[in-house]
Amino acid sequence: MAHIISAQEYRNEATVAEKLAAADFTVFLSPVFEIGGEEYQVVVDGHHSYEAAVQAGVEPEFEVQSARDNDTIALLDQGRIEDFLELHLIDGEYRHIATGKAVW
C-alpha cells in the first residue's frame, strides 16, 4: 500500500465544519509513484474533507485522479516526479497524512 502524503498543513476550521455538515469526505489522490523503492500518493485536493472524516470518525473516500482530472498528473505520467512534488508544496514539508510524521 502506498504512503499517502501531503505538504498542506493549514486547515480552515470553518471549511472543515462545512465538509463535516455535508458529509463530504472525498479526498483526491495522485496515482501511485515510486521514490527510493517506496510507493507514494499525494493529496491533490480534499485536505479539509480528510480532516472532516477524521473528526467524524469515518474512513475518507479516496479517489485517484488522472491527467484528465488534474493537469499536474501529466507530470507523473512523464516521470517528472520532482516537478510534480514541487507544484504540490503548499505550506509545509511532505508529511504522512495519517501520522503527521515527515516523509523525508
N, C-alpha and C. Protein backbone atom coordinates (compact mmCIF):
# COMPACT_ATOMS: atom_id res chain seq x y z
N MET A 1 0.84 -1.18 0.00
CA MET A 1 0.00 0.00 0.00
C MET A 1 0.89 1.24 0.00
N ALA A 2 0.51 2.21 -0.77
CA ALA A 2 1.28 3.45 -0.91
C ALA A 2 1.10 4.33 0.32
N HIS A 3 2.15 5.09 0.62
CA HIS A 3 2.09 6.11 1.66
C HIS A 3 1.30 7.29 1.10
N ILE A 4 0.31 7.76 1.85
CA ILE A 4 -0.45 8.94 1.41
C ILE A 4 0.15 10.15 2.13
N ILE A 5 0.58 11.12 1.32
CA ILE A 5 1.32 12.26 1.86
C ILE A 5 0.72 13.58 1.39
N SER A 6 1.09 14.65 2.11
CA SER A 6 0.63 15.99 1.77
C SER A 6 1.62 17.01 2.28
N ALA A 7 1.68 18.15 1.60
CA ALA A 7 2.51 19.27 2.06
C ALA A 7 1.63 20.48 2.36
N GLN A 8 0.40 20.23 2.76
CA GLN A 8 -0.51 21.31 3.19
C GLN A 8 -0.86 21.07 4.64
N GLU A 9 -0.42 21.98 5.49
CA GLU A 9 -0.69 21.84 6.92
C GLU A 9 -1.92 22.63 7.36
N TYR A 10 -2.14 23.80 6.76
CA TYR A 10 -3.23 24.68 7.21
C TYR A 10 -4.59 24.06 6.93
N ARG A 11 -5.46 24.14 7.91
CA ARG A 11 -6.86 23.74 7.75
C ARG A 11 -7.73 24.88 8.27
N ASN A 12 -8.66 25.33 7.45
CA ASN A 12 -9.62 26.35 7.85
C ASN A 12 -10.75 25.62 8.58
N GLU A 13 -10.92 25.92 9.84
CA GLU A 13 -11.91 25.19 10.65
C GLU A 13 -13.34 25.38 10.14
N ALA A 14 -13.65 26.54 9.58
CA ALA A 14 -14.99 26.77 9.02
C ALA A 14 -15.22 25.86 7.81
N THR A 15 -14.20 25.70 6.98
CA THR A 15 -14.31 24.81 5.82
C THR A 15 -14.45 23.36 6.27
N VAL A 16 -13.69 22.97 7.28
CA VAL A 16 -13.80 21.61 7.82
C VAL A 16 -15.22 21.39 8.34
N ALA A 17 -15.77 22.37 9.06
CA ALA A 17 -17.13 22.25 9.59
C ALA A 17 -18.15 22.10 8.47
N GLU A 18 -17.97 22.84 7.37
CA GLU A 18 -18.87 22.71 6.21
C GLU A 18 -18.78 21.31 5.62
N LYS A 19 -17.56 20.80 5.48
CA LYS A 19 -17.37 19.44 4.94
C LYS A 19 -18.01 18.41 5.86
N LEU A 20 -17.85 18.61 7.15
CA LEU A 20 -18.43 17.70 8.13
C LEU A 20 -19.95 17.71 8.04
N ALA A 21 -20.54 18.89 7.98
CA ALA A 21 -22.01 19.01 7.89
C ALA A 21 -22.55 18.38 6.60
N ALA A 22 -21.77 18.48 5.53
CA ALA A 22 -22.20 17.91 4.24
C ALA A 22 -21.79 16.45 4.07
N ALA A 23 -21.10 15.91 5.07
CA ALA A 23 -20.55 14.55 4.98
C ALA A 23 -19.72 14.40 3.71
N ASP A 24 -18.94 15.44 3.41
CA ASP A 24 -18.05 15.43 2.25
C ASP A 24 -16.69 14.93 2.71
N PHE A 25 -16.45 13.66 2.50
CA PHE A 25 -15.22 13.03 2.95
C PHE A 25 -14.36 12.54 1.79
N THR A 26 -14.54 13.13 0.61
CA THR A 26 -13.80 12.71 -0.58
C THR A 26 -12.46 13.40 -0.65
N VAL A 27 -11.42 12.59 -0.78
CA VAL A 27 -10.04 13.07 -0.86
C VAL A 27 -9.47 12.61 -2.20
N PHE A 28 -8.97 13.56 -2.97
CA PHE A 28 -8.44 13.26 -4.29
C PHE A 28 -6.94 13.04 -4.23
N LEU A 29 -6.50 11.91 -4.74
CA LEU A 29 -5.09 11.50 -4.68
C LEU A 29 -4.47 11.44 -6.07
N SER A 30 -3.16 11.60 -6.08
CA SER A 30 -2.40 11.34 -7.31
C SER A 30 -2.35 9.83 -7.52
N PRO A 31 -2.00 9.41 -8.73
CA PRO A 31 -1.70 7.99 -8.92
C PRO A 31 -0.46 7.63 -8.08
N VAL A 32 -0.26 6.38 -7.89
CA VAL A 32 0.91 5.90 -7.14
C VAL A 32 2.17 6.17 -7.96
N PHE A 33 3.21 6.64 -7.27
CA PHE A 33 4.53 6.80 -7.89
C PHE A 33 5.57 6.30 -6.89
N GLU A 34 6.77 6.07 -7.37
CA GLU A 34 7.80 5.47 -6.52
C GLU A 34 9.01 6.38 -6.38
N ILE A 35 9.50 6.44 -5.15
CA ILE A 35 10.76 7.13 -4.85
C ILE A 35 11.53 6.23 -3.90
N GLY A 36 12.75 5.91 -4.27
CA GLY A 36 13.61 5.11 -3.39
C GLY A 36 13.02 3.77 -2.99
N GLY A 37 12.28 3.16 -3.88
CA GLY A 37 11.70 1.85 -3.60
C GLY A 37 10.41 1.90 -2.78
N GLU A 38 9.95 3.09 -2.42
CA GLU A 38 8.70 3.25 -1.67
C GLU A 38 7.64 3.84 -2.58
N GLU A 39 6.40 3.45 -2.36
CA GLU A 39 5.29 3.96 -3.15
C GLU A 39 4.56 5.06 -2.38
N TYR A 40 4.20 6.12 -3.12
CA TYR A 40 3.53 7.28 -2.53
C TYR A 40 2.35 7.72 -3.37
N GLN A 41 1.44 8.43 -2.72
CA GLN A 41 0.37 9.17 -3.38
C GLN A 41 0.25 10.50 -2.66
N VAL A 42 0.02 11.58 -3.41
CA VAL A 42 -0.10 12.91 -2.85
C VAL A 42 -1.58 13.30 -2.83
N VAL A 43 -2.00 13.91 -1.74
CA VAL A 43 -3.34 14.51 -1.68
C VAL A 43 -3.30 15.75 -2.57
N VAL A 44 -4.01 15.71 -3.68
CA VAL A 44 -4.03 16.86 -4.59
C VAL A 44 -5.21 17.79 -4.29
N ASP A 45 -6.21 17.28 -3.61
CA ASP A 45 -7.35 18.10 -3.18
C ASP A 45 -8.11 17.29 -2.14
N GLY A 46 -8.77 18.00 -1.23
CA GLY A 46 -9.58 17.30 -0.23
C GLY A 46 -8.96 17.26 1.15
N HIS A 47 -8.02 18.15 1.41
CA HIS A 47 -7.39 18.19 2.73
C HIS A 47 -8.44 18.46 3.83
N HIS A 48 -9.36 19.36 3.55
CA HIS A 48 -10.40 19.68 4.53
C HIS A 48 -11.38 18.52 4.69
N SER A 49 -11.66 17.84 3.59
CA SER A 49 -12.54 16.66 3.66
C SER A 49 -11.89 15.55 4.47
N TYR A 50 -10.58 15.41 4.34
CA TYR A 50 -9.87 14.40 5.13
C TYR A 50 -10.01 14.72 6.62
N GLU A 51 -9.78 15.97 6.99
CA GLU A 51 -9.91 16.37 8.39
C GLU A 51 -11.33 16.16 8.89
N ALA A 52 -12.32 16.45 8.05
CA ALA A 52 -13.72 16.23 8.42
C ALA A 52 -13.98 14.74 8.68
N ALA A 53 -13.42 13.88 7.85
CA ALA A 53 -13.58 12.44 8.04
C ALA A 53 -12.96 12.00 9.36
N VAL A 54 -11.77 12.52 9.65
CA VAL A 54 -11.11 12.19 10.92
C VAL A 54 -12.00 12.61 12.09
N GLN A 55 -12.51 13.84 12.04
CA GLN A 55 -13.36 14.33 13.13
C GLN A 55 -14.65 13.53 13.26
N ALA A 56 -15.17 13.04 12.13
CA ALA A 56 -16.41 12.25 12.15
C ALA A 56 -16.15 10.79 12.53
N GLY A 57 -14.88 10.40 12.54
CA GLY A 57 -14.55 9.02 12.88
C GLY A 57 -14.90 8.03 11.77
N VAL A 58 -14.86 8.51 10.52
CA VAL A 58 -15.17 7.65 9.38
C VAL A 58 -13.97 7.59 8.44
N GLU A 59 -13.96 6.60 7.58
CA GLU A 59 -12.90 6.49 6.59
C GLU A 59 -13.14 7.50 5.48
N PRO A 60 -12.10 8.22 5.08
CA PRO A 60 -12.26 9.11 3.93
C PRO A 60 -12.48 8.29 2.66
N GLU A 61 -13.09 8.91 1.68
CA GLU A 61 -13.31 8.26 0.39
C GLU A 61 -12.19 8.73 -0.54
N PHE A 62 -11.24 7.86 -0.81
CA PHE A 62 -10.11 8.23 -1.65
C PHE A 62 -10.46 8.00 -3.11
N GLU A 63 -10.16 9.00 -3.93
CA GLU A 63 -10.41 8.92 -5.37
C GLU A 63 -9.12 9.31 -6.10
N VAL A 64 -8.62 8.40 -6.91
CA VAL A 64 -7.38 8.65 -7.65
C VAL A 64 -7.69 9.49 -8.89
N GLN A 65 -6.92 10.54 -9.07
CA GLN A 65 -7.07 11.45 -10.20
C GLN A 65 -6.23 10.99 -11.39
N SER A 66 -6.60 11.43 -12.55
CA SER A 66 -5.81 11.20 -13.76
C SER A 66 -5.48 12.56 -14.35
N ALA A 67 -4.69 12.59 -15.39
CA ALA A 67 -4.36 13.86 -16.07
C ALA A 67 -5.62 14.53 -16.62
N ARG A 68 -6.64 13.74 -16.88
CA ARG A 68 -7.92 14.26 -17.34
C ARG A 68 -8.58 15.11 -16.24
N ASP A 69 -8.37 14.70 -14.97
CA ASP A 69 -8.98 15.37 -13.83
C ASP A 69 -8.14 16.53 -13.31
N ASN A 70 -6.83 16.37 -13.39
CA ASN A 70 -5.90 17.34 -12.80
C ASN A 70 -4.67 17.38 -13.68
N ASP A 71 -4.41 18.52 -14.31
CA ASP A 71 -3.34 18.58 -15.30
C ASP A 71 -1.94 18.37 -14.73
N THR A 72 -1.76 18.52 -13.42
CA THR A 72 -0.42 18.27 -12.86
C THR A 72 -0.08 16.78 -12.86
N ILE A 73 -1.08 15.93 -12.96
CA ILE A 73 -0.85 14.48 -13.01
C ILE A 73 -0.04 14.12 -14.25
N ALA A 74 -0.14 14.91 -15.30
CA ALA A 74 0.64 14.66 -16.52
C ALA A 74 2.14 14.63 -16.21
N LEU A 75 2.56 15.40 -15.22
CA LEU A 75 3.98 15.37 -14.83
C LEU A 75 4.39 13.99 -14.35
N LEU A 76 3.53 13.35 -13.58
CA LEU A 76 3.82 11.98 -13.14
C LEU A 76 3.85 11.03 -14.32
N ASP A 77 2.90 11.22 -15.22
CA ASP A 77 2.85 10.37 -16.42
C ASP A 77 4.13 10.49 -17.24
N GLN A 78 4.77 11.66 -17.16
CA GLN A 78 6.02 11.91 -17.88
C GLN A 78 7.26 11.53 -17.06
N GLY A 79 7.04 11.01 -15.84
CA GLY A 79 8.17 10.64 -14.98
C GLY A 79 8.82 11.83 -14.28
N ARG A 80 8.16 12.98 -14.28
CA ARG A 80 8.70 14.19 -13.67
C ARG A 80 8.20 14.34 -12.23
N ILE A 81 8.59 13.38 -11.40
CA ILE A 81 8.11 13.31 -10.02
C ILE A 81 8.50 14.54 -9.22
N GLU A 82 9.76 14.96 -9.31
CA GLU A 82 10.22 16.12 -8.53
C GLU A 82 9.42 17.37 -8.90
N ASP A 83 9.15 17.56 -10.19
CA ASP A 83 8.36 18.72 -10.62
C ASP A 83 6.94 18.65 -10.04
N PHE A 84 6.37 17.46 -10.07
CA PHE A 84 5.04 17.27 -9.51
C PHE A 84 5.03 17.60 -8.02
N LEU A 85 6.00 17.07 -7.29
CA LEU A 85 6.06 17.32 -5.85
C LEU A 85 6.25 18.80 -5.55
N GLU A 86 7.06 19.47 -6.34
CA GLU A 86 7.29 20.90 -6.13
C GLU A 86 6.00 21.70 -6.33
N LEU A 87 5.21 21.34 -7.33
CA LEU A 87 3.95 22.04 -7.57
C LEU A 87 2.94 21.86 -6.44
N HIS A 88 3.06 20.76 -5.71
CA HIS A 88 2.10 20.48 -4.65
C HIS A 88 2.61 20.84 -3.26
N LEU A 89 3.76 21.52 -3.19
CA LEU A 89 4.22 22.07 -1.91
C LEU A 89 3.33 23.27 -1.59
N ILE A 90 2.61 23.20 -0.52
CA ILE A 90 1.67 24.27 -0.18
C ILE A 90 2.23 25.16 0.93
N ASP A 91 2.27 24.63 2.13
CA ASP A 91 2.73 25.45 3.26
C ASP A 91 3.53 24.67 4.28
N GLY A 92 4.10 23.57 3.86
CA GLY A 92 4.89 22.77 4.79
C GLY A 92 5.65 21.71 4.05
N GLU A 93 6.35 20.89 4.81
CA GLU A 93 7.08 19.79 4.20
C GLU A 93 6.12 18.61 4.00
N TYR A 94 6.53 17.66 3.19
CA TYR A 94 5.68 16.50 2.97
C TYR A 94 5.61 15.66 4.24
N ARG A 95 4.37 15.34 4.62
CA ARG A 95 4.11 14.54 5.82
C ARG A 95 3.09 13.45 5.48
N HIS A 96 3.16 12.37 6.23
CA HIS A 96 2.16 11.30 6.14
C HIS A 96 0.86 11.86 6.71
N ILE A 97 -0.24 11.74 5.96
CA ILE A 97 -1.47 12.37 6.43
C ILE A 97 -2.01 11.70 7.69
N ALA A 98 -1.79 10.41 7.84
CA ALA A 98 -2.35 9.71 9.00
C ALA A 98 -1.59 9.99 10.29
N THR A 99 -0.27 10.21 10.19
CA THR A 99 0.54 10.36 11.39
C THR A 99 1.12 11.76 11.59
N GLY A 100 1.22 12.52 10.51
CA GLY A 100 1.84 13.84 10.60
C GLY A 100 3.35 13.80 10.60
N LYS A 101 3.92 12.60 10.50
CA LYS A 101 5.38 12.47 10.50
C LYS A 101 5.96 12.87 9.15
N ALA A 102 7.12 13.55 9.19
CA ALA A 102 7.79 13.96 7.96
C ALA A 102 8.14 12.75 7.11
N VAL A 103 8.03 12.92 5.81
CA VAL A 103 8.28 11.83 4.88
C VAL A 103 9.78 11.65 4.64
N TRP A 104 10.47 12.77 4.33
CA TRP A 104 11.89 12.68 4.03
C TRP A 104 12.71 13.50 4.98
